[in-house]
Amino acid sequence: MTYKRPGRLRQVPNFNLGANWLASANQHPAGAISQWRAGQLAAVETGHLFNVVRVDGVQRGRAALADLYQADVPVGPVLHNHADQCIEFLVTTRVASAWAMPHTHLVGRPADGDPPLTVAMPAPGMQRLSGRTWLVLPDGERRPTDLGDLAVALRRADARLRHETP
């Protein structure tokens, strides 16, 4: 079964594969799976499979997401954090130390060898939980958004939002 998004044909997400992929970011994946089965958020480790970029402002984050789709580049999983009014993109880890984008925060593995940082995530396919909703579901096949692509999309979104604001 497929569904259509402008410019692409996509498969319906596989929630089990998505949950297994997300959980595999942790040193102990079974813990995350258990929390999801109990209907709770799970603390998912960053820095190995992906980092997370928190974009301040829902409008800005959604504009960047729209720009990524319009540019027809691969988009990884994306969370809407209602409580903190931000959008969280799962991104590649290859250039994490070089990230310097205003009004964003990169969450990844600390360089000094400290334990990995975590981000609270609902199970793929779970409706809004503790103020978090998936905008783009992890499906087990979807890879993180390229950090460079996200940087370009954020710059474009900022420029577009500046011109739209009176």
N, C-alpha and C. Protein backbone atom coordinates (compact mmCIF):
# COMPACT_ATOMS: atom_id res chain seq x y z
N MET A 1 0.85 -1.17 0.00
CA MET A 1 0.00 0.00 0.00
C MET A 1 0.89 1.24 0.00
N THR A 2 0.51 2.23 -0.76
CA THR A 2 1.30 3.45 -0.83
C THR A 2 0.39 4.66 -0.63
N TYR A 3 1.01 5.75 -0.32
CA TYR A 3 0.29 7.01 -0.28
C TYR A 3 1.13 8.04 -1.01
N LYS A 4 0.48 9.08 -1.48
CA LYS A 4 1.14 10.07 -2.33
C LYS A 4 1.41 11.33 -1.55
N ARG A 5 2.62 11.82 -1.64
CA ARG A 5 2.99 13.13 -1.12
C ARG A 5 3.50 13.87 -2.35
N PRO A 6 3.24 15.15 -2.46
CA PRO A 6 3.65 15.88 -3.67
C PRO A 6 5.09 15.55 -4.06
N GLY A 7 5.24 15.04 -5.26
CA GLY A 7 6.58 14.79 -5.78
C GLY A 7 7.15 13.42 -5.44
N ARG A 8 6.47 12.60 -4.63
CA ARG A 8 7.03 11.30 -4.27
C ARG A 8 5.94 10.27 -4.01
N LEU A 9 6.30 9.06 -4.25
CA LEU A 9 5.47 7.93 -3.91
C LEU A 9 6.16 7.21 -2.78
N ARG A 10 5.46 6.95 -1.70
CA ARG A 10 6.08 6.36 -0.51
C ARG A 10 5.31 5.14 -0.05
N GLN A 11 6.01 4.26 0.59
CA GLN A 11 5.40 3.09 1.20
C GLN A 11 4.81 3.49 2.56
N VAL A 12 3.76 2.80 2.96
CA VAL A 12 3.21 3.01 4.31
C VAL A 12 4.27 2.57 5.30
N PRO A 13 4.54 3.37 6.34
CA PRO A 13 5.61 3.04 7.28
C PRO A 13 5.39 1.71 8.00
N ASN A 14 6.47 1.00 8.26
CA ASN A 14 6.44 -0.22 9.05
C ASN A 14 6.81 0.16 10.48
N PHE A 15 5.83 0.17 11.37
CA PHE A 15 6.04 0.65 12.73
C PHE A 15 7.00 -0.23 13.52
N ASN A 16 6.94 -1.56 13.33
CA ASN A 16 7.84 -2.45 14.06
C ASN A 16 9.29 -2.21 13.65
N LEU A 17 9.53 -2.09 12.35
CA LEU A 17 10.90 -1.81 11.90
C LEU A 17 11.37 -0.46 12.41
N GLY A 18 10.49 0.52 12.42
CA GLY A 18 10.85 1.85 12.92
C GLY A 18 11.20 1.82 14.39
N ALA A 19 10.41 1.09 15.18
CA ALA A 19 10.69 0.98 16.61
C ALA A 19 12.01 0.26 16.84
N ASN A 20 12.24 -0.81 16.11
CA ASN A 20 13.49 -1.56 16.26
C ASN A 20 14.69 -0.71 15.88
N TRP A 21 14.55 0.07 14.80
CA TRP A 21 15.66 0.93 14.37
C TRP A 21 15.95 1.99 15.43
N LEU A 22 14.91 2.66 15.92
CA LEU A 22 15.11 3.69 16.95
C LEU A 22 15.74 3.07 18.21
N ALA A 23 15.19 1.96 18.65
CA ALA A 23 15.69 1.32 19.87
C ALA A 23 17.14 0.87 19.71
N SER A 24 17.53 0.52 18.49
CA SER A 24 18.91 0.05 18.27
C SER A 24 19.94 1.15 18.50
N ALA A 25 19.50 2.39 18.63
CA ALA A 25 20.43 3.48 18.95
C ALA A 25 20.93 3.36 20.39
N ASN A 26 20.17 2.66 21.23
CA ASN A 26 20.53 2.51 22.64
C ASN A 26 21.46 1.32 22.87
N GLN A 27 22.26 1.41 23.92
CA GLN A 27 23.10 0.28 24.29
C GLN A 27 22.25 -0.91 24.72
N HIS A 28 21.06 -0.64 25.25
CA HIS A 28 20.14 -1.67 25.69
C HIS A 28 18.78 -1.43 25.02
N PRO A 29 18.63 -1.88 23.77
CA PRO A 29 17.41 -1.59 23.01
C PRO A 29 16.12 -2.11 23.66
N ALA A 30 16.20 -3.20 24.38
CA ALA A 30 14.99 -3.78 24.98
C ALA A 30 14.32 -2.82 25.96
N GLY A 31 15.10 -1.97 26.59
CA GLY A 31 14.52 -1.00 27.53
C GLY A 31 13.59 -0.02 26.83
N ALA A 32 13.99 0.47 25.68
CA ALA A 32 13.14 1.40 24.92
C ALA A 32 11.88 0.69 24.45
N ILE A 33 12.02 -0.52 23.93
CA ILE A 33 10.87 -1.28 23.45
C ILE A 33 9.88 -1.51 24.60
N SER A 34 10.39 -1.85 25.77
CA SER A 34 9.52 -2.07 26.95
C SER A 34 8.77 -0.81 27.33
N GLN A 35 9.45 0.34 27.31
CA GLN A 35 8.79 1.60 27.64
C GLN A 35 7.69 1.90 26.63
N TRP A 36 7.95 1.69 25.35
CA TRP A 36 6.93 1.94 24.32
C TRP A 36 5.74 1.01 24.50
N ARG A 37 6.01 -0.25 24.79
CA ARG A 37 4.90 -1.21 25.00
C ARG A 37 4.04 -0.80 26.19
N ALA A 38 4.65 -0.12 27.16
CA ALA A 38 3.91 0.35 28.33
C ALA A 38 3.24 1.70 28.06
N GLY A 39 3.33 2.20 26.84
CA GLY A 39 2.70 3.47 26.48
C GLY A 39 3.44 4.69 26.98
N GLN A 40 4.75 4.56 27.17
CA GLN A 40 5.57 5.65 27.69
C GLN A 40 6.56 6.15 26.64
N LEU A 41 7.09 7.33 26.89
CA LEU A 41 8.22 7.82 26.09
C LEU A 41 9.44 7.00 26.46
N ALA A 42 10.34 6.83 25.51
CA ALA A 42 11.61 6.15 25.78
C ALA A 42 12.75 7.13 25.56
N ALA A 43 13.77 7.05 26.40
CA ALA A 43 14.97 7.87 26.23
C ALA A 43 15.84 7.18 25.18
N VAL A 44 15.98 7.83 24.02
CA VAL A 44 16.74 7.26 22.91
C VAL A 44 18.07 7.99 22.81
N GLU A 45 19.15 7.22 22.76
CA GLU A 45 20.50 7.79 22.74
C GLU A 45 20.83 8.41 21.38
N THR A 46 21.53 9.52 21.44
CA THR A 46 21.99 10.19 20.24
C THR A 46 23.48 9.94 20.07
N GLY A 47 23.98 10.23 18.89
CA GLY A 47 25.42 10.19 18.66
C GLY A 47 25.93 8.96 17.94
N HIS A 48 25.13 7.91 17.86
CA HIS A 48 25.59 6.70 17.15
C HIS A 48 24.89 6.58 15.80
N LEU A 49 23.59 6.37 15.81
CA LEU A 49 22.83 6.27 14.56
C LEU A 49 22.45 7.64 14.01
N PHE A 50 22.24 8.57 14.92
CA PHE A 50 21.79 9.90 14.52
C PHE A 50 22.05 10.88 15.65
N ASN A 51 22.03 12.15 15.31
CA ASN A 51 21.96 13.24 16.28
C ASN A 51 20.57 13.84 16.13
N VAL A 52 20.24 14.77 16.99
CA VAL A 52 18.95 15.46 16.90
C VAL A 52 19.22 16.96 16.87
N VAL A 53 18.59 17.64 15.93
CA VAL A 53 18.64 19.10 15.88
C VAL A 53 17.27 19.61 16.30
N ARG A 54 17.26 20.38 17.40
CA ARG A 54 16.04 21.03 17.88
C ARG A 54 15.97 22.41 17.25
N VAL A 55 14.90 22.65 16.55
CA VAL A 55 14.68 23.94 15.89
C VAL A 55 13.66 24.72 16.70
N ASP A 56 14.09 25.86 17.24
CA ASP A 56 13.18 26.71 18.02
C ASP A 56 12.10 27.27 17.11
N GLY A 57 10.87 27.17 17.56
CA GLY A 57 9.74 27.73 16.81
C GLY A 57 9.16 26.71 15.84
N VAL A 58 7.92 26.36 16.08
CA VAL A 58 7.25 25.37 15.24
C VAL A 58 7.12 25.85 13.81
N GLN A 59 6.80 27.13 13.62
CA GLN A 59 6.64 27.67 12.26
C GLN A 59 7.95 27.53 11.48
N ARG A 60 9.05 27.85 12.11
CA ARG A 60 10.36 27.76 11.46
C ARG A 60 10.70 26.30 11.13
N GLY A 61 10.46 25.40 12.08
CA GLY A 61 10.75 23.99 11.85
C GLY A 61 9.90 23.40 10.74
N ARG A 62 8.61 23.75 10.74
CA ARG A 62 7.74 23.24 9.67
C ARG A 62 8.10 23.83 8.31
N ALA A 63 8.53 25.09 8.31
CA ALA A 63 8.96 25.70 7.04
C ALA A 63 10.20 25.00 6.51
N ALA A 64 11.12 24.64 7.39
CA ALA A 64 12.32 23.90 6.96
C ALA A 64 11.93 22.52 6.44
N LEU A 65 11.00 21.86 7.10
CA LEU A 65 10.54 20.55 6.65
C LEU A 65 9.91 20.66 5.26
N ALA A 66 9.08 21.67 5.06
CA ALA A 66 8.46 21.89 3.75
C ALA A 66 9.53 22.14 2.69
N ASP A 67 10.57 22.89 3.05
CA ASP A 67 11.64 23.17 2.10
C ASP A 67 12.39 21.88 1.73
N LEU A 68 12.62 21.02 2.69
CA LEU A 68 13.29 19.74 2.41
C LEU A 68 12.46 18.93 1.42
N TYR A 69 11.15 18.87 1.63
CA TYR A 69 10.29 18.14 0.71
C TYR A 69 10.30 18.79 -0.68
N GLN A 70 10.24 20.11 -0.69
CA GLN A 70 10.23 20.81 -1.98
C GLN A 70 11.54 20.58 -2.73
N ALA A 71 12.64 20.49 -2.02
CA ALA A 71 13.94 20.24 -2.65
C ALA A 71 14.09 18.79 -3.06
N ASP A 72 13.12 17.95 -2.67
CA ASP A 72 13.11 16.53 -3.01
C ASP A 72 14.37 15.80 -2.52
N VAL A 73 14.79 16.13 -1.30
CA VAL A 73 15.91 15.43 -0.68
C VAL A 73 15.34 14.45 0.35
N PRO A 74 16.07 13.39 0.65
CA PRO A 74 15.58 12.43 1.65
C PRO A 74 15.40 13.10 3.02
N VAL A 75 14.25 12.85 3.62
CA VAL A 75 13.93 13.42 4.93
C VAL A 75 13.80 12.28 5.92
N GLY A 76 14.55 12.37 7.01
CA GLY A 76 14.48 11.37 8.06
C GLY A 76 13.36 11.68 9.04
N PRO A 77 13.28 10.91 10.10
CA PRO A 77 12.23 11.11 11.11
C PRO A 77 12.28 12.51 11.72
N VAL A 78 11.08 13.04 12.02
CA VAL A 78 10.94 14.38 12.57
C VAL A 78 9.87 14.36 13.66
N LEU A 79 10.19 14.95 14.80
CA LEU A 79 9.26 15.05 15.93
C LEU A 79 8.79 16.48 16.12
N HIS A 80 7.51 16.62 16.50
CA HIS A 80 6.99 17.92 16.94
C HIS A 80 6.91 17.85 18.46
N ASN A 81 7.68 18.70 19.12
CA ASN A 81 7.68 18.78 20.57
C ASN A 81 6.77 19.95 20.95
N HIS A 82 5.51 19.63 21.25
CA HIS A 82 4.51 20.66 21.54
C HIS A 82 4.85 21.43 22.81
N ALA A 83 5.33 20.73 23.83
CA ALA A 83 5.61 21.37 25.11
C ALA A 83 6.69 22.44 25.00
N ASP A 84 7.74 22.16 24.25
CA ASP A 84 8.85 23.11 24.10
C ASP A 84 8.73 23.97 22.85
N GLN A 85 7.63 23.81 22.09
CA GLN A 85 7.39 24.59 20.88
C GLN A 85 8.59 24.53 19.93
N CYS A 86 8.99 23.30 19.61
CA CYS A 86 10.10 23.12 18.68
C CYS A 86 9.86 21.90 17.81
N ILE A 87 10.64 21.81 16.76
CA ILE A 87 10.63 20.66 15.87
C ILE A 87 12.00 20.00 16.00
N GLU A 88 12.02 18.67 16.09
CA GLU A 88 13.27 17.93 16.29
C GLU A 88 13.51 17.00 15.10
N PHE A 89 14.60 17.26 14.40
CA PHE A 89 14.98 16.47 13.23
C PHE A 89 16.04 15.46 13.63
N LEU A 90 15.86 14.19 13.27
CA LEU A 90 16.92 13.20 13.43
C LEU A 90 17.84 13.38 12.24
N VAL A 91 19.12 13.66 12.51
CA VAL A 91 20.07 14.03 11.46
C VAL A 91 21.31 13.15 11.51
N THR A 92 22.08 13.21 10.44
CA THR A 92 23.32 12.45 10.35
C THR A 92 24.32 12.94 11.40
N THR A 93 25.24 12.08 11.77
CA THR A 93 26.20 12.41 12.83
C THR A 93 27.55 12.84 12.29
N ARG A 94 27.80 12.77 11.01
CA ARG A 94 29.15 12.94 10.47
C ARG A 94 29.80 14.30 10.71
N VAL A 95 29.03 15.37 10.81
CA VAL A 95 29.63 16.70 11.01
C VAL A 95 29.05 17.40 12.24
N ALA A 96 28.69 16.63 13.23
CA ALA A 96 27.99 17.18 14.38
C ALA A 96 28.76 18.28 15.09
N SER A 97 30.07 18.17 15.18
CA SER A 97 30.85 19.16 15.92
C SER A 97 30.91 20.51 15.23
N ALA A 98 30.58 20.55 13.94
CA ALA A 98 30.67 21.80 13.20
C ALA A 98 29.34 22.55 13.13
N TRP A 99 28.32 22.10 13.83
CA TRP A 99 26.99 22.72 13.74
C TRP A 99 26.97 24.05 14.48
N ALA A 100 26.57 25.11 13.77
CA ALA A 100 26.44 26.44 14.39
C ALA A 100 25.34 27.18 13.65
N MET A 101 24.10 26.89 14.00
CA MET A 101 22.95 27.51 13.36
C MET A 101 22.14 28.22 14.44
N PRO A 102 21.84 29.51 14.24
CA PRO A 102 21.07 30.24 15.25
C PRO A 102 19.71 29.60 15.53
N HIS A 103 19.27 29.70 16.75
CA HIS A 103 17.95 29.24 17.19
C HIS A 103 17.76 27.73 17.00
N THR A 104 18.87 26.99 17.08
CA THR A 104 18.81 25.54 17.03
C THR A 104 19.77 25.00 18.09
N HIS A 105 19.58 23.75 18.42
CA HIS A 105 20.47 23.10 19.38
C HIS A 105 20.72 21.68 18.89
N LEU A 106 21.98 21.31 18.78
CA LEU A 106 22.34 19.96 18.36
C LEU A 106 22.50 19.08 19.60
N VAL A 107 21.81 17.96 19.61
CA VAL A 107 21.92 16.97 20.69
C VAL A 107 22.63 15.76 20.11
N GLY A 108 23.83 15.49 20.61
CA GLY A 108 24.61 14.36 20.12
C GLY A 108 25.54 13.84 21.20
N ARG A 109 26.40 12.93 20.82
CA ARG A 109 27.34 12.35 21.78
C ARG A 109 28.38 13.39 22.17
N PRO A 110 28.58 13.58 23.48
CA PRO A 110 29.60 14.53 23.92
C PRO A 110 31.00 14.10 23.45
N ALA A 111 31.82 15.06 23.11
CA ALA A 111 33.16 14.77 22.61
C ALA A 111 34.09 14.25 23.69
N ASP A 112 33.81 14.53 24.95
CA ASP A 112 34.74 14.18 26.03
C ASP A 112 34.56 12.76 26.57
N GLY A 113 33.78 11.93 25.91
CA GLY A 113 33.61 10.56 26.35
C GLY A 113 32.53 10.36 27.40
N ASP A 114 31.79 11.42 27.76
CA ASP A 114 30.67 11.27 28.69
C ASP A 114 29.61 10.38 28.05
N PRO A 115 28.69 9.89 28.86
CA PRO A 115 27.61 9.06 28.31
C PRO A 115 26.82 9.84 27.25
N PRO A 116 26.19 9.12 26.33
CA PRO A 116 25.43 9.80 25.28
C PRO A 116 24.24 10.56 25.85
N LEU A 117 23.89 11.63 25.17
CA LEU A 117 22.70 12.38 25.52
C LEU A 117 21.49 11.65 24.93
N THR A 118 20.35 11.83 25.56
CA THR A 118 19.14 11.15 25.09
C THR A 118 18.05 12.15 24.77
N VAL A 119 17.11 11.71 23.95
CA VAL A 119 15.92 12.49 23.62
C VAL A 119 14.72 11.59 23.86
N ALA A 120 13.71 12.11 24.55
CA ALA A 120 12.49 11.34 24.81
C ALA A 120 11.68 11.24 23.53
N MET A 121 11.34 10.00 23.16
CA MET A 121 10.62 9.76 21.91
C MET A 121 9.47 8.79 22.13
N PRO A 122 8.32 9.08 21.49
CA PRO A 122 7.23 8.10 21.53
C PRO A 122 7.52 6.98 20.53
N ALA A 123 6.81 5.89 20.68
CA ALA A 123 6.94 4.80 19.70
C ALA A 123 6.45 5.29 18.34
N PRO A 124 7.05 4.82 17.27
CA PRO A 124 6.54 5.18 15.94
C PRO A 124 5.07 4.78 15.82
N GLY A 125 4.27 5.69 15.32
CA GLY A 125 2.86 5.43 15.13
C GLY A 125 2.00 5.77 16.33
N MET A 126 2.61 6.01 17.48
CA MET A 126 1.84 6.37 18.67
C MET A 126 1.33 7.79 18.51
N GLN A 127 0.09 8.00 18.85
CA GLN A 127 -0.45 9.35 18.80
C GLN A 127 0.27 10.21 19.83
N ARG A 128 -0.02 11.47 19.83
CA ARG A 128 0.63 12.43 20.72
C ARG A 128 0.78 11.87 22.14
N LEU A 129 2.00 11.91 22.63
CA LEU A 129 2.31 11.39 23.96
C LEU A 129 3.21 12.38 24.67
N SER A 130 2.78 12.84 25.82
CA SER A 130 3.56 13.81 26.61
C SER A 130 4.03 14.98 25.77
N GLY A 131 3.15 15.44 24.89
CA GLY A 131 3.46 16.61 24.08
C GLY A 131 4.37 16.35 22.90
N ARG A 132 4.54 15.10 22.49
CA ARG A 132 5.41 14.77 21.35
C ARG A 132 4.62 13.98 20.31
N THR A 133 4.79 14.38 19.04
CA THR A 133 4.12 13.74 17.92
C THR A 133 5.11 13.58 16.77
N TRP A 134 5.08 12.44 16.12
CA TRP A 134 5.92 12.25 14.92
C TRP A 134 5.29 12.98 13.74
N LEU A 135 6.05 13.84 13.08
CA LEU A 135 5.62 14.46 11.82
C LEU A 135 6.05 13.58 10.65
N VAL A 136 7.24 13.01 10.76
CA VAL A 136 7.75 12.04 9.79
C VAL A 136 8.16 10.82 10.61
N LEU A 137 7.49 9.72 10.36
CA LEU A 137 7.70 8.52 11.17
C LEU A 137 9.00 7.80 10.85
N PRO A 138 9.65 7.27 11.87
CA PRO A 138 10.73 6.33 11.62
C PRO A 138 10.09 5.02 11.13
N ASP A 139 10.59 4.49 10.05
CA ASP A 139 9.98 3.29 9.49
C ASP A 139 10.98 2.14 9.33
N GLY A 140 12.19 2.32 9.83
CA GLY A 140 13.19 1.28 9.72
C GLY A 140 14.01 1.37 8.45
N GLU A 141 13.50 2.07 7.47
CA GLU A 141 14.23 2.25 6.21
C GLU A 141 14.68 3.70 6.03
N ARG A 142 13.95 4.60 6.63
CA ARG A 142 14.24 6.02 6.50
C ARG A 142 15.51 6.34 7.28
N ARG A 143 16.44 6.96 6.67
CA ARG A 143 17.69 7.34 7.32
C ARG A 143 17.58 8.78 7.81
N PRO A 144 18.46 9.18 8.72
CA PRO A 144 18.40 10.56 9.21
C PRO A 144 18.58 11.58 8.09
N THR A 145 18.02 12.75 8.30
CA THR A 145 18.17 13.85 7.36
C THR A 145 19.64 14.27 7.34
N ASP A 146 20.15 14.55 6.16
CA ASP A 146 21.52 15.03 6.05
C ASP A 146 21.62 16.40 6.71
N LEU A 147 22.63 16.55 7.57
CA LEU A 147 22.79 17.79 8.33
C LEU A 147 22.99 18.99 7.40
N GLY A 148 23.71 18.81 6.31
CA GLY A 148 23.90 19.89 5.35
C GLY A 148 22.60 20.30 4.68
N ASP A 149 21.77 19.30 4.32
CA ASP A 149 20.47 19.61 3.71
C ASP A 149 19.59 20.38 4.69
N LEU A 150 19.63 20.00 5.97
CA LEU A 150 18.82 20.71 6.96
C LEU A 150 19.31 22.15 7.12
N ALA A 151 20.62 22.37 7.12
CA ALA A 151 21.16 23.73 7.25
C ALA A 151 20.67 24.61 6.10
N VAL A 152 20.69 24.09 4.87
CA VAL A 152 20.22 24.86 3.72
C VAL A 152 18.72 25.14 3.86
N ALA A 153 17.95 24.14 4.28
CA ALA A 153 16.50 24.31 4.43
C ALA A 153 16.19 25.35 5.51
N LEU A 154 16.94 25.35 6.59
CA LEU A 154 16.72 26.34 7.65
C LEU A 154 17.03 27.75 7.17
N ARG A 155 18.09 27.91 6.41
CA ARG A 155 18.42 29.24 5.87
C ARG A 155 17.31 29.74 4.94
N ARG A 156 16.83 28.85 4.08
CA ARG A 156 15.75 29.22 3.17
C ARG A 156 14.47 29.54 3.94
N ALA A 157 14.16 28.73 4.94
CA ALA A 157 12.97 28.97 5.75
C ALA A 157 13.07 30.32 6.46
N ASP A 158 14.24 30.62 7.02
CA ASP A 158 14.43 31.91 7.69
C ASP A 158 14.21 33.07 6.72
N ALA A 159 14.78 32.96 5.53
CA ALA A 159 14.63 34.03 4.54
C ALA A 159 13.16 34.19 4.14
N ARG A 160 12.47 33.08 3.92
CA ARG A 160 11.07 33.14 3.52
C ARG A 160 10.22 33.74 4.65
N LEU A 161 10.46 33.32 5.89
CA LEU A 161 9.68 33.84 7.02
C LEU A 161 9.95 35.31 7.27
N ARG A 162 11.18 35.77 7.03
CA ARG A 162 11.48 37.22 7.18
C ARG A 162 10.69 38.04 6.18
N HIS A 163 10.56 37.52 4.96
CA HIS A 163 9.84 38.25 3.92
C HIS A 163 8.32 38.20 4.11
N GLU A 164 7.83 37.17 4.79
CA GLU A 164 6.39 37.05 5.01
C GLU A 164 5.93 37.86 6.22
N THR A 165 6.83 38.16 7.15
CA THR A 165 6.47 38.89 8.36
C THR A 165 6.44 40.38 8.08
N PRO A 166 5.30 41.05 8.44
CA PRO A 166 5.20 42.49 8.17
C PRO A 166 6.12 43.31 9.03
